[in-house]
Protein backbone atom coordinates (compact mmCIF):
# COMPACT_ATOMS: atom_id res chain seq x y z
CA GLU A 1 47.58 0.99 20.90
CA LYS A 2 48.29 4.04 18.91
CA PRO A 3 46.04 6.18 21.28
CA ILE A 4 47.75 4.83 23.99
CA ARG A 5 51.08 5.64 22.38
CA ASP A 6 50.08 9.11 21.54
CA ARG A 7 48.99 9.60 25.30
CA LEU A 8 52.79 8.51 26.28
CA SER A 9 54.06 10.76 23.52
CA VAL A 10 52.17 13.75 25.20
CA ALA A 11 53.29 12.80 28.64
CA GLN A 12 56.74 12.45 27.40
CA THR A 13 56.57 15.92 25.61
CA SER A 14 55.25 17.57 28.68
CA LEU A 15 58.00 15.95 30.76
CA SER A 16 60.88 17.01 28.72
CA ARG A 17 59.44 20.67 28.95
CA VAL A 18 59.57 20.52 32.82
CA GLY A 19 62.25 22.20 34.37
CA TYR A 20 63.63 19.15 36.42
CA ALA A 21 66.15 21.35 38.65
CA ARG A 22 63.61 24.13 39.79
CA LEU A 23 61.21 21.39 40.91
CA SER A 24 60.74 21.17 44.77
CA ASP A 25 61.25 17.42 46.43
CA ASP A 26 57.45 16.83 45.90
CA GLY A 27 57.87 18.00 42.31
CA ARG A 28 60.62 16.02 41.40
CA SER A 29 59.17 12.71 43.10
CA GLN A 30 56.05 13.56 40.87
CA TYR A 31 58.40 13.55 37.79
CA GLU A 32 60.22 10.35 38.55
CA GLN A 33 56.64 8.52 39.08
CA SER A 34 55.54 9.63 35.68
CA LYS A 35 58.60 8.33 34.27
CA ARG A 36 58.02 5.19 35.81
CA PHE A 37 54.24 5.13 34.82
CA ILE A 38 55.59 5.76 31.09
CA GLN A 39 58.06 2.91 31.42
CA GLN A 40 55.50 0.57 33.08
CA ALA A 41 53.01 1.61 30.21
CA GLU A 42 55.36 0.79 27.54
CA GLN A 43 55.82 -2.82 29.15
CA ALA A 44 52.31 -3.30 29.55
CA LEU A 45 51.79 -2.64 25.74
CA LYS A 46 54.48 -5.32 24.84
CA ASP A 47 52.53 -7.78 27.08
CA GLN A 48 49.58 -6.52 25.41
CA ASN A 49 47.63 -5.23 28.24
CA PHE A 50 46.01 -2.21 26.72
CA VAL A 51 43.58 -1.37 29.64
CA PHE A 52 46.34 -1.10 32.02
CA ALA A 53 48.78 0.54 29.54
CA GLN A 54 45.84 3.12 29.11
CA THR A 55 45.80 3.50 32.87
CA LEU A 56 49.42 4.24 33.39
CA ALA A 57 49.61 6.38 30.57
CA ASP A 58 47.02 8.79 31.61
CA LYS A 59 48.50 8.86 34.98
CA ALA A 60 51.71 9.86 33.39
CA ALA A 61 50.35 12.43 31.17
CA ASN A 62 48.17 13.99 33.81
CA ILE A 63 51.45 14.23 36.30
CA ALA A 64 53.41 15.70 33.61
CA ALA A 65 50.69 18.32 32.80
CA GLU A 66 50.34 19.38 36.27
CA LEU A 67 54.27 19.75 36.58
CA LEU A 68 54.39 21.69 33.53
CA GLY A 69 51.89 23.85 34.70
CA ARG A 70 53.61 24.81 37.97
């Protein structure tokens, strides 16, 4: 569970550093998708579905990292 929470923390930190107002429509859509993945991963952790939570956390972190690099 800890590695998943760490990955979610990375995703949330990255998203918090993204300038949402400066994103294109596609970028905003990706930003929102990353936030949804974070929420779904949190729910999967509560449900103790760790494999699914890890997948969602990775997706969220990857999108957030991509947005941060723009």
